[in-house]
All heavy atoms as atom14 arrays in JSON, in Angstrom:
{
  "sequence": "LAGGLVMLFGVAGVWALTAGAGEPSFLLTDLARLDLDSGIGRWLFVAF",
  "atom14_mask": [
    [1, 1, 1, 1, 1, 1, 1, 1, 0, 0, 0, 0, 0, 0],
    [1, 1, 1, 1, 1, 0, 0, 0, 0, 0, 0, 0, 0, 0],
    [1, 1, 1, 1, 0, 0, 0, 0, 0, 0, 0, 0, 0, 0],
    [1, 1, 1, 1, 0, 0, 0, 0, 0, 0, 0, 0, 0, 0],
    [1, 1, 1, 1, 1, 1, 1, 1, 0, 0, 0, 0, 0, 0],
    [1, 1, 1, 1, 1, 1, 1, 0, 0, 0, 0, 0, 0, 0],
    [1, 1, 1, 1, 1, 1, 1, 1, 0, 0, 0, 0, 0, 0],
    [1, 1, 1, 1, 1, 1, 1, 1, 0, 0, 0, 0, 0, 0],
    [1, 1, 1, 1, 1, 1, 1, 1, 1, 1, 1, 0, 0, 0],
    [1, 1, 1, 1, 0, 0, 0, 0, 0, 0, 0, 0, 0, 0],
    [1, 1, 1, 1, 1, 1, 1, 0, 0, 0, 0, 0, 0, 0],
    [1, 1, 1, 1, 1, 0, 0, 0, 0, 0, 0, 0, 0, 0],
    [1, 1, 1, 1, 0, 0, 0, 0, 0, 0, 0, 0, 0, 0],
    [1, 1, 1, 1, 1, 1, 1, 0, 0, 0, 0, 0, 0, 0],
    [1, 1, 1, 1, 1, 1, 1, 1, 1, 1, 1, 1, 1, 1],
    [1, 1, 1, 1, 1, 0, 0, 0, 0, 0, 0, 0, 0, 0],
    [1, 1, 1, 1, 1, 1, 1, 1, 0, 0, 0, 0, 0, 0],
    [1, 1, 1, 1, 1, 1, 1, 0, 0, 0, 0, 0, 0, 0],
    [1, 1, 1, 1, 1, 0, 0, 0, 0, 0, 0, 0, 0, 0],
    [1, 1, 1, 1, 0, 0, 0, 0, 0, 0, 0, 0, 0, 0],
    [1, 1, 1, 1, 1, 0, 0, 0, 0, 0, 0, 0, 0, 0],
    [1, 1, 1, 1, 0, 0, 0, 0, 0, 0, 0, 0, 0, 0],
    [1, 1, 1, 1, 1, 1, 1, 1, 1, 0, 0, 0, 0, 0],
    [1, 1, 1, 1, 1, 1, 1, 0, 0, 0, 0, 0, 0, 0],
    [1, 1, 1, 1, 1, 1, 0, 0, 0, 0, 0, 0, 0, 0],
    [1, 1, 1, 1, 1, 1, 1, 1, 1, 1, 1, 0, 0, 0],
    [1, 1, 1, 1, 1, 1, 1, 1, 0, 0, 0, 0, 0, 0],
    [1, 1, 1, 1, 1, 1, 1, 1, 0, 0, 0, 0, 0, 0],
    [1, 1, 1, 1, 1, 1, 1, 0, 0, 0, 0, 0, 0, 0],
    [1, 1, 1, 1, 1, 1, 1, 1, 0, 0, 0, 0, 0, 0],
    [1, 1, 1, 1, 1, 1, 1, 1, 0, 0, 0, 0, 0, 0],
    [1, 1, 1, 1, 1, 0, 0, 0, 0, 0, 0, 0, 0, 0],
    [1, 1, 1, 1, 1, 1, 1, 1, 1, 1, 1, 0, 0, 0],
    [1, 1, 1, 1, 1, 1, 1, 1, 0, 0, 0, 0, 0, 0],
    [1, 1, 1, 1, 1, 1, 1, 1, 0, 0, 0, 0, 0, 0],
    [1, 1, 1, 1, 1, 1, 1, 1, 0, 0, 0, 0, 0, 0],
    [1, 1, 1, 1, 1, 1, 1, 1, 0, 0, 0, 0, 0, 0],
    [1, 1, 1, 1, 1, 1, 0, 0, 0, 0, 0, 0, 0, 0],
    [1, 1, 1, 1, 0, 0, 0, 0, 0, 0, 0, 0, 0, 0],
    [1, 1, 1, 1, 1, 1, 1, 1, 0, 0, 0, 0, 0, 0],
    [1, 1, 1, 1, 0, 0, 0, 0, 0, 0, 0, 0, 0, 0],
    [1, 1, 1, 1, 1, 1, 1, 1, 1, 1, 1, 0, 0, 0],
    [1, 1, 1, 1, 1, 1, 1, 1, 1, 1, 1, 1, 1, 1],
    [1, 1, 1, 1, 1, 1, 1, 1, 0, 0, 0, 0, 0, 0],
    [1, 1, 1, 1, 1, 1, 1, 1, 1, 1, 1, 0, 0, 0],
    [1, 1, 1, 1, 1, 1, 1, 0, 0, 0, 0, 0, 0, 0],
    [1, 1, 1, 1, 1, 0, 0, 0, 0, 0, 0, 0, 0, 0],
    [1, 1, 1, 1, 1, 1, 1, 1, 1, 1, 1, 0, 0, 0]
  ],
  "atom14_positions": [
    [[0.81, -1.25, 0.0], [-0.05, 0.0, 0.07], [0.84, 1.27, -0.02], [0.51, 2.24, -0.63], [-0.95, -0.04, 1.24], [-2.14, -0.95, 1.13], [-2.89, -0.92, 2.46], [-3.08, -0.68, 0.01], [0.0, 0.0, 0.0], [0.0, 0.0, 0.0], [0.0, 0.0, 0.0], [0.0, 0.0, 0.0], [0.0, 0.0, 0.0], [0.0, 0.0, 0.0]],
    [[2.03, 1.24, 0.67], [2.98, 2.38, 0.69], [3.37, 2.69, -0.7], [3.43, 3.79, -1.18], [4.06, 2.11, 1.67], [0.0, 0.0, 0.0], [0.0, 0.0, 0.0], [0.0, 0.0, 0.0], [0.0, 0.0, 0.0], [0.0, 0.0, 0.0], [0.0, 0.0, 0.0], [0.0, 0.0, 0.0], [0.0, 0.0, 0.0], [0.0, 0.0, 0.0]],
    [[3.8, 1.54, -1.4], [4.27, 1.75, -2.75], [3.08, 2.24, -3.68], [3.3, 3.09, -4.51], [0.0, 0.0, 0.0], [0.0, 0.0, 0.0], [0.0, 0.0, 0.0], [0.0, 0.0, 0.0], [0.0, 0.0, 0.0], [0.0, 0.0, 0.0], [0.0, 0.0, 0.0], [0.0, 0.0, 0.0], [0.0, 0.0, 0.0], [0.0, 0.0, 0.0]],
    [[1.89, 1.71, -3.42], [0.76, 2.16, -4.23], [0.38, 3.56, -4.0], [-0.08, 4.32, -4.94], [0.0, 0.0, 0.0], [0.0, 0.0, 0.0], [0.0, 0.0, 0.0], [0.0, 0.0, 0.0], [0.0, 0.0, 0.0], [0.0, 0.0, 0.0], [0.0, 0.0, 0.0], [0.0, 0.0, 0.0], [0.0, 0.0, 0.0], [0.0, 0.0, 0.0]],
    [[0.46, 3.94, -2.78], [0.16, 5.34, -2.46], [1.14, 6.37, -3.09], [0.7, 7.37, -3.62], [0.19, 5.57, -0.89], [-0.08, 6.99, -0.51], [-1.53, 7.35, -0.81], [0.05, 7.13, 1.08], [0.0, 0.0, 0.0], [0.0, 0.0, 0.0], [0.0, 0.0, 0.0], [0.0, 0.0, 0.0], [0.0, 0.0, 0.0], [0.0, 0.0, 0.0]],
    [[2.39, 6.03, -3.09], [3.39, 6.9, -3.69], [3.11, 6.93, -5.22], [3.2, 7.94, -5.96], [4.75, 6.39, -3.47], [5.82, 7.2, -4.32], [5.1, 6.54, -2.02], [0.0, 0.0, 0.0], [0.0, 0.0, 0.0], [0.0, 0.0, 0.0], [0.0, 0.0, 0.0], [0.0, 0.0, 0.0], [0.0, 0.0, 0.0], [0.0, 0.0, 0.0]],
    [[2.71, 5.73, -5.84], [2.45, 5.59, -7.27], [1.21, 6.56, -7.54], [1.12, 7.11, -8.64], [2.19, 4.19, -7.73], [2.02, 4.13, -9.21], [1.21, 2.7, -9.79], [2.33, 1.42, -9.38], [0.0, 0.0, 0.0], [0.0, 0.0, 0.0], [0.0, 0.0, 0.0], [0.0, 0.0, 0.0], [0.0, 0.0, 0.0], [0.0, 0.0, 0.0]],
    [[0.29, 6.6, -6.67], [-0.91, 7.44, -6.88], [-0.63, 8.89, -7.19], [-1.24, 9.49, -8.03], [-1.92, 7.3, -5.68], [-3.18, 8.08, -5.79], [-3.94, 7.53, -7.05], [-4.01, 7.93, -4.6], [0.0, 0.0, 0.0], [0.0, 0.0, 0.0], [0.0, 0.0, 0.0], [0.0, 0.0, 0.0], [0.0, 0.0, 0.0], [0.0, 0.0, 0.0]],
    [[0.39, 9.42, -6.48], [0.84, 10.74, -6.81], [1.36, 10.82, -8.21], [1.14, 11.89, -8.89], [1.86, 11.23, -5.76], [1.33, 11.46, -4.41], [1.55, 10.52, -3.37], [0.69, 12.59, -4.12], [1.04, 10.76, -2.08], [0.14, 12.78, -2.81], [0.34, 11.95, -1.83], [0.0, 0.0, 0.0], [0.0, 0.0, 0.0], [0.0, 0.0, 0.0]],
    [[2.17, 9.83, -8.57], [2.56, 9.84, -9.97], [1.47, 9.72, -11.03], [1.51, 10.49, -12.03], [0.0, 0.0, 0.0], [0.0, 0.0, 0.0], [0.0, 0.0, 0.0], [0.0, 0.0, 0.0], [0.0, 0.0, 0.0], [0.0, 0.0, 0.0], [0.0, 0.0, 0.0], [0.0, 0.0, 0.0], [0.0, 0.0, 0.0], [0.0, 0.0, 0.0]],
    [[0.46, 8.97, -10.73], [-0.7, 8.79, -11.64], [-1.4, 10.16, -11.76], [-1.8, 10.69, -12.84], [-1.71, 7.7, -11.13], [-2.98, 7.72, -11.97], [-1.03, 6.45, -11.13], [0.0, 0.0, 0.0], [0.0, 0.0, 0.0], [0.0, 0.0, 0.0], [0.0, 0.0, 0.0], [0.0, 0.0, 0.0], [0.0, 0.0, 0.0], [0.0, 0.0, 0.0]],
    [[-1.64, 10.83, -10.57], [-2.27, 12.17, -10.67], [-1.45, 13.16, -11.34], [-2.0, 14.02, -12.03], [-2.6, 12.57, -9.13], [0.0, 0.0, 0.0], [0.0, 0.0, 0.0], [0.0, 0.0, 0.0], [0.0, 0.0, 0.0], [0.0, 0.0, 0.0], [0.0, 0.0, 0.0], [0.0, 0.0, 0.0], [0.0, 0.0, 0.0], [0.0, 0.0, 0.0]],
    [[-0.1, 13.07, -11.16], [0.78, 14.04, -11.77], [0.76, 13.97, -13.33], [0.69, 14.97, -13.98], [0.0, 0.0, 0.0], [0.0, 0.0, 0.0], [0.0, 0.0, 0.0], [0.0, 0.0, 0.0], [0.0, 0.0, 0.0], [0.0, 0.0, 0.0], [0.0, 0.0, 0.0], [0.0, 0.0, 0.0], [0.0, 0.0, 0.0], [0.0, 0.0, 0.0]],
    [[0.9, 12.77, -13.87], [0.91, 12.63, -15.31], [-0.47, 13.04, -15.91], [-0.56, 13.62, -16.94], [1.41, 11.21, -15.75], [2.76, 10.95, -15.37], [0.42, 10.2, -15.21], [0.0, 0.0, 0.0], [0.0, 0.0, 0.0], [0.0, 0.0, 0.0], [0.0, 0.0, 0.0], [0.0, 0.0, 0.0], [0.0, 0.0, 0.0], [0.0, 0.0, 0.0]],
    [[-1.52, 12.73, -15.24], [-2.85, 13.14, -15.69], [-3.0, 14.69, -15.68], [-3.52, 15.16, -16.65], [-3.91, 12.53, -14.84], [-5.35, 12.95, -15.3], [-6.09, 12.36, -16.31], [-6.1, 14.12, -14.79], [-7.25, 13.03, -16.5], [-7.27, 14.14, -15.63], [-5.9, 14.98, -13.87], [-8.28, 15.08, -15.32], [-6.89, 16.0, -13.59], [-8.1, 16.01, -14.36]],
    [[-2.48, 15.3, -14.64], [-2.56, 16.77, -14.6], [-1.81, 17.32, -15.79], [-2.23, 18.39, -16.28], [-2.07, 17.23, -13.27], [0.0, 0.0, 0.0], [0.0, 0.0, 0.0], [0.0, 0.0, 0.0], [0.0, 0.0, 0.0], [0.0, 0.0, 0.0], [0.0, 0.0, 0.0], [0.0, 0.0, 0.0], [0.0, 0.0, 0.0], [0.0, 0.0, 0.0]],
    [[-0.75, 16.75, -16.13], [0.05, 17.3, -17.27], [-0.8, 17.24, -18.56], [-0.73, 18.12, -19.42], [1.36, 16.61, -17.42], [2.42, 16.82, -16.2], [3.58, 15.93, -16.46], [2.75, 18.25, -16.25], [0.0, 0.0, 0.0], [0.0, 0.0, 0.0], [0.0, 0.0, 0.0], [0.0, 0.0, 0.0], [0.0, 0.0, 0.0], [0.0, 0.0, 0.0]],
    [[-1.42, 16.09, -18.7], [-2.18, 15.92, -19.99], [-3.36, 17.0, -19.93], [-3.82, 17.45, -20.97], [-2.77, 14.51, -20.15], [-3.71, 14.14, -19.07], [-1.61, 13.46, -20.25], [0.0, 0.0, 0.0], [0.0, 0.0, 0.0], [0.0, 0.0, 0.0], [0.0, 0.0, 0.0], [0.0, 0.0, 0.0], [0.0, 0.0, 0.0], [0.0, 0.0, 0.0]],
    [[-4.04, 17.1, -18.71], [-5.13, 17.93, -18.62], [-4.74, 19.43, -18.92], [-5.41, 20.22, -19.53], [-5.75, 17.88, -17.29], [0.0, 0.0, 0.0], [0.0, 0.0, 0.0], [0.0, 0.0, 0.0], [0.0, 0.0, 0.0], [0.0, 0.0, 0.0], [0.0, 0.0, 0.0], [0.0, 0.0, 0.0], [0.0, 0.0, 0.0], [0.0, 0.0, 0.0]],
    [[-3.49, 19.72, -18.42], [-3.01, 21.06, -18.62], [-2.7, 21.42, -20.16], [-2.79, 22.51, -20.59], [0.0, 0.0, 0.0], [0.0, 0.0, 0.0], [0.0, 0.0, 0.0], [0.0, 0.0, 0.0], [0.0, 0.0, 0.0], [0.0, 0.0, 0.0], [0.0, 0.0, 0.0], [0.0, 0.0, 0.0], [0.0, 0.0, 0.0], [0.0, 0.0, 0.0]],
    [[-2.44, 20.36, -20.84], [-2.19, 20.49, -22.29], [-3.55, 20.43, -23.14], [-3.43, 20.75, -24.3], [-1.42, 19.33, -22.81], [0.0, 0.0, 0.0], [0.0, 0.0, 0.0], [0.0, 0.0, 0.0], [0.0, 0.0, 0.0], [0.0, 0.0, 0.0], [0.0, 0.0, 0.0], [0.0, 0.0, 0.0], [0.0, 0.0, 0.0], [0.0, 0.0, 0.0]],
    [[-4.67, 20.33, -22.44], [-5.92, 20.5, -23.03], [-6.65, 19.19, -23.34], [-7.91, 19.27, -23.6], [0.0, 0.0, 0.0], [0.0, 0.0, 0.0], [0.0, 0.0, 0.0], [0.0, 0.0, 0.0], [0.0, 0.0, 0.0], [0.0, 0.0, 0.0], [0.0, 0.0, 0.0], [0.0, 0.0, 0.0], [0.0, 0.0, 0.0], [0.0, 0.0, 0.0]],
    [[-5.98, 18.1, -23.29], [-6.63, 16.79, -23.59], [-6.32, 15.8, -22.47], [-5.35, 15.12, -22.6], [-6.25, 16.27, -24.95], [-6.82, 17.02, -26.13], [-6.58, 16.29, -27.43], [-6.59, 15.07, -27.48], [-6.43, 16.94, -28.42], [0.0, 0.0, 0.0], [0.0, 0.0, 0.0], [0.0, 0.0, 0.0], [0.0, 0.0, 0.0], [0.0, 0.0, 0.0]],
    [[-7.17, 15.71, -21.44], [-6.81, 14.74, -20.26], [-6.89, 13.36, -20.8], [-7.81, 13.04, -21.51], [-7.93, 15.1, -19.23], [-8.99, 15.74, -20.03], [-8.36, 16.51, -21.09], [0.0, 0.0, 0.0], [0.0, 0.0, 0.0], [0.0, 0.0, 0.0], [0.0, 0.0, 0.0], [0.0, 0.0, 0.0], [0.0, 0.0, 0.0], [0.0, 0.0, 0.0]],
    [[-5.91, 12.52, -20.42], [-5.87, 11.2, -20.91], [-5.03, 10.27, -19.87], [-4.11, 10.84, -19.36], [-5.36, 11.16, -22.26], [-5.18, 9.78, -22.71], [0.0, 0.0, 0.0], [0.0, 0.0, 0.0], [0.0, 0.0, 0.0], [0.0, 0.0, 0.0], [0.0, 0.0, 0.0], [0.0, 0.0, 0.0], [0.0, 0.0, 0.0], [0.0, 0.0, 0.0]],
    [[-5.4, 9.02, -19.81], [-4.61, 8.08, -19.01], [-3.98, 7.12, -20.03], [-3.28, 6.18, -19.54], [-5.45, 7.35, -18.06], [-5.87, 8.18, -16.83], [-7.04, 8.74, -16.67], [-4.88, 8.28, -15.76], [-7.28, 9.49, -15.52], [-5.07, 9.13, -14.7], [-6.37, 9.67, -14.54], [0.0, 0.0, 0.0], [0.0, 0.0, 0.0], [0.0, 0.0, 0.0]],
    [[-4.24, 7.12, -21.34], [-3.67, 6.21, -22.25], [-2.23, 6.27, -22.26], [-1.59, 7.35, -22.36], [-4.28, 6.48, -23.65], [-5.72, 6.19, -23.84], [-6.12, 6.58, -25.27], [-6.01, 4.7, -23.69], [0.0, 0.0, 0.0], [0.0, 0.0, 0.0], [0.0, 0.0, 0.0], [0.0, 0.0, 0.0], [0.0, 0.0, 0.0], [0.0, 0.0, 0.0]],
    [[-1.58, 5.13, -22.14], [-0.06, 5.17, -22.17], [0.56, 5.69, -23.36], [1.64, 6.35, -23.4], [0.41, 3.64, -21.91], [0.14, 3.06, -20.53], [0.61, 1.68, -20.34], [0.7, 3.95, -19.36], [0.0, 0.0, 0.0], [0.0, 0.0, 0.0], [0.0, 0.0, 0.0], [0.0, 0.0, 0.0], [0.0, 0.0, 0.0], [0.0, 0.0, 0.0]],
    [[-0.13, 5.46, -24.49], [0.4, 6.04, -25.82], [0.41, 7.61, -25.72], [1.31, 8.21, -26.32], [-0.46, 5.58, -26.98], [-1.9, 5.81, -26.69], [-0.31, 4.12, -27.18], [0.0, 0.0, 0.0], [0.0, 0.0, 0.0], [0.0, 0.0, 0.0], [0.0, 0.0, 0.0], [0.0, 0.0, 0.0], [0.0, 0.0, 0.0], [0.0, 0.0, 0.0]],
    [[-0.64, 8.14, -25.04], [-0.66, 9.63, -24.91], [0.44, 10.11, -23.92], [1.09, 11.14, -24.16], [-2.06, 10.13, -24.47], [-3.14, 9.92, -25.54], [-2.71, 9.83, -26.74], [-4.27, 9.76, -25.2], [0.0, 0.0, 0.0], [0.0, 0.0, 0.0], [0.0, 0.0, 0.0], [0.0, 0.0, 0.0], [0.0, 0.0, 0.0], [0.0, 0.0, 0.0]],
    [[0.55, 9.35, -22.9], [1.55, 9.76, -21.83], [2.96, 9.7, -22.41], [3.81, 10.51, -22.07], [1.41, 8.83, -20.65], [0.05, 8.79, -19.99], [0.04, 7.9, -18.74], [-0.38, 10.27, -19.49], [0.0, 0.0, 0.0], [0.0, 0.0, 0.0], [0.0, 0.0, 0.0], [0.0, 0.0, 0.0], [0.0, 0.0, 0.0], [0.0, 0.0, 0.0]],
    [[3.22, 8.66, -23.29], [4.58, 8.6, -23.84], [4.92, 9.82, -24.75], [6.09, 9.96, -24.92], [4.67, 7.32, -24.61], [0.0, 0.0, 0.0], [0.0, 0.0, 0.0], [0.0, 0.0, 0.0], [0.0, 0.0, 0.0], [0.0, 0.0, 0.0], [0.0, 0.0, 0.0], [0.0, 0.0, 0.0], [0.0, 0.0, 0.0], [0.0, 0.0, 0.0]],
    [[3.94, 10.48, -25.17], [4.24, 11.66, -25.98], [4.4, 12.96, -25.23], [4.63, 13.99, -25.82], [3.11, 11.81, -27.04], [3.01, 10.76, -28.1], [2.13, 11.18, -29.28], [0.76, 11.2, -28.88], [-0.09, 10.17, -29.11], [0.37, 9.01, -29.59], [-1.36, 10.25, -28.69], [0.0, 0.0, 0.0], [0.0, 0.0, 0.0], [0.0, 0.0, 0.0]],
    [[4.17, 12.92, -23.87], [4.34, 14.14, -23.06], [5.81, 14.7, -23.16], [6.73, 13.82, -23.12], [3.94, 13.84, -21.65], [2.49, 13.62, -21.36], [2.29, 13.18, -19.89], [1.7, 14.97, -21.55], [0.0, 0.0, 0.0], [0.0, 0.0, 0.0], [0.0, 0.0, 0.0], [0.0, 0.0, 0.0], [0.0, 0.0, 0.0], [0.0, 0.0, 0.0]],
    [[5.98, 15.89, -23.14], [7.28, 16.54, -23.02], [7.53, 16.75, -21.61], [7.22, 17.83, -21.02], [7.3, 17.82, -23.86], [8.67, 18.46, -23.86], [9.69, 17.82, -23.56], [8.77, 19.66, -24.17], [0.0, 0.0, 0.0], [0.0, 0.0, 0.0], [0.0, 0.0, 0.0], [0.0, 0.0, 0.0], [0.0, 0.0, 0.0], [0.0, 0.0, 0.0]],
    [[8.18, 15.85, -20.99], [8.46, 15.87, -19.45], [9.83, 16.56, -19.28], [10.86, 15.95, -19.63], [8.44, 14.54, -18.82], [6.98, 13.79, -18.95], [7.13, 12.4, -18.58], [5.96, 14.57, -18.14], [0.0, 0.0, 0.0], [0.0, 0.0, 0.0], [0.0, 0.0, 0.0], [0.0, 0.0, 0.0], [0.0, 0.0, 0.0], [0.0, 0.0, 0.0]],
    [[9.86, 17.72, -18.72], [11.12, 18.33, -18.46], [11.96, 17.65, -17.32], [11.31, 16.74, -16.65], [10.96, 19.83, -18.06], [10.12, 20.09, -16.82], [10.38, 19.32, -15.82], [9.24, 20.88, -16.9], [0.0, 0.0, 0.0], [0.0, 0.0, 0.0], [0.0, 0.0, 0.0], [0.0, 0.0, 0.0], [0.0, 0.0, 0.0], [0.0, 0.0, 0.0]],
    [[13.09, 17.88, -17.15], [13.91, 17.19, -16.16], [13.46, 17.29, -14.71], [13.87, 16.47, -13.95], [15.5, 17.66, -16.28], [15.55, 19.07, -16.01], [0.0, 0.0, 0.0], [0.0, 0.0, 0.0], [0.0, 0.0, 0.0], [0.0, 0.0, 0.0], [0.0, 0.0, 0.0], [0.0, 0.0, 0.0], [0.0, 0.0, 0.0], [0.0, 0.0, 0.0]],
    [[12.71, 18.32, -14.4], [12.23, 18.5, -13.05], [11.07, 17.54, -12.7], [11.21, 16.62, -11.97], [0.0, 0.0, 0.0], [0.0, 0.0, 0.0], [0.0, 0.0, 0.0], [0.0, 0.0, 0.0], [0.0, 0.0, 0.0], [0.0, 0.0, 0.0], [0.0, 0.0, 0.0], [0.0, 0.0, 0.0], [0.0, 0.0, 0.0], [0.0, 0.0, 0.0]],
    [[9.93, 17.95, -13.24], [8.68, 17.2, -12.97], [8.74, 15.76, -13.39], [8.32, 14.85, -12.76], [7.46, 17.85, -13.63], [6.13, 17.25, -13.06], [7.56, 17.89, -15.09], [5.96, 17.34, -11.57], [0.0, 0.0, 0.0], [0.0, 0.0, 0.0], [0.0, 0.0, 0.0], [0.0, 0.0, 0.0], [0.0, 0.0, 0.0], [0.0, 0.0, 0.0]],
    [[9.39, 15.49, -14.53], [9.47, 14.1, -15.09], [10.3, 13.2, -14.11], [9.92, 12.03, -13.9], [0.0, 0.0, 0.0], [0.0, 0.0, 0.0], [0.0, 0.0, 0.0], [0.0, 0.0, 0.0], [0.0, 0.0, 0.0], [0.0, 0.0, 0.0], [0.0, 0.0, 0.0], [0.0, 0.0, 0.0], [0.0, 0.0, 0.0], [0.0, 0.0, 0.0]],
    [[11.33, 13.76, -13.5], [12.13, 12.96, -12.6], [11.42, 12.57, -11.36], [11.52, 11.53, -10.78], [13.47, 13.64, -12.3], [14.36, 13.72, -13.51], [15.68, 14.46, -13.26], [16.52, 14.6, -14.46], [17.69, 15.17, -14.53], [18.12, 15.8, -13.48], [18.31, 15.13, -15.64], [0.0, 0.0, 0.0], [0.0, 0.0, 0.0], [0.0, 0.0, 0.0]],
    [[10.64, 13.6, -10.8], [9.86, 13.41, -9.6], [8.78, 12.31, -9.86], [8.52, 11.41, -9.03], [9.2, 14.72, -9.11], [10.2, 15.44, -8.33], [10.72, 16.72, -8.74], [10.69, 15.24, -7.04], [11.6, 17.12, -7.68], [11.65, 16.3, -6.68], [10.54, 14.22, -6.08], [12.33, 16.42, -5.46], [11.29, 14.21, -4.9], [12.1, 15.28, -4.63]],
    [[8.1, 12.37, -10.99], [7.08, 11.37, -11.32], [7.72, 10.04, -11.55], [7.14, 9.0, -11.16], [6.34, 11.83, -12.55], [5.54, 13.1, -12.42], [4.93, 13.56, -13.79], [4.38, 12.95, -11.44], [0.0, 0.0, 0.0], [0.0, 0.0, 0.0], [0.0, 0.0, 0.0], [0.0, 0.0, 0.0], [0.0, 0.0, 0.0], [0.0, 0.0, 0.0]],
    [[8.92, 9.99, -12.23], [9.64, 8.77, -12.31], [9.85, 8.04, -10.99], [9.61, 6.89, -10.77], [10.92, 8.95, -13.14], [11.85, 7.85, -13.08], [11.79, 6.79, -13.96], [12.77, 7.78, -12.02], [12.66, 5.72, -13.93], [13.67, 6.66, -11.99], [13.66, 5.63, -12.88], [0.0, 0.0, 0.0], [0.0, 0.0, 0.0], [0.0, 0.0, 0.0]],
    [[10.34, 8.9, -10.06], [10.65, 8.3, -8.75], [9.38, 7.65, -8.07], [9.51, 6.7, -7.46], [11.24, 9.48, -7.8], [11.33, 8.96, -6.4], [12.65, 9.85, -8.35], [0.0, 0.0, 0.0], [0.0, 0.0, 0.0], [0.0, 0.0, 0.0], [0.0, 0.0, 0.0], [0.0, 0.0, 0.0], [0.0, 0.0, 0.0], [0.0, 0.0, 0.0]],
    [[8.21, 8.35, -8.23], [7.04, 7.89, -7.58], [6.69, 6.48, -8.21], [6.32, 5.6, -7.4], [5.89, 8.83, -7.89], [0.0, 0.0, 0.0], [0.0, 0.0, 0.0], [0.0, 0.0, 0.0], [0.0, 0.0, 0.0], [0.0, 0.0, 0.0], [0.0, 0.0, 0.0], [0.0, 0.0, 0.0], [0.0, 0.0, 0.0], [0.0, 0.0, 0.0]],
    [[6.77, 6.28, -9.45], [6.51, 5.02, -10.06], [7.63, 3.97, -9.77], [7.35, 2.86, -9.44], [6.35, 5.16, -11.55], [5.03, 5.77, -12.06], [4.99, 7.1, -12.34], [3.85, 4.97, -12.09], [3.78, 7.68, -12.72], [2.63, 5.54, -12.53], [2.58, 6.85, -12.81], [0.0, 0.0, 0.0], [0.0, 0.0, 0.0], [0.0, 0.0, 0.0]]
  ]
}
């Protein structure tokens, strides 16, 4: 559950990025096209 809780922050983070881009999505194909800068991308990576 501790691992899952940390992952939840990552899930919410990547969704927020897609929503901010105008098209909210959880599809992995859409997430793979995100332009994740070295800051936020690294924090989200650590969560997963």
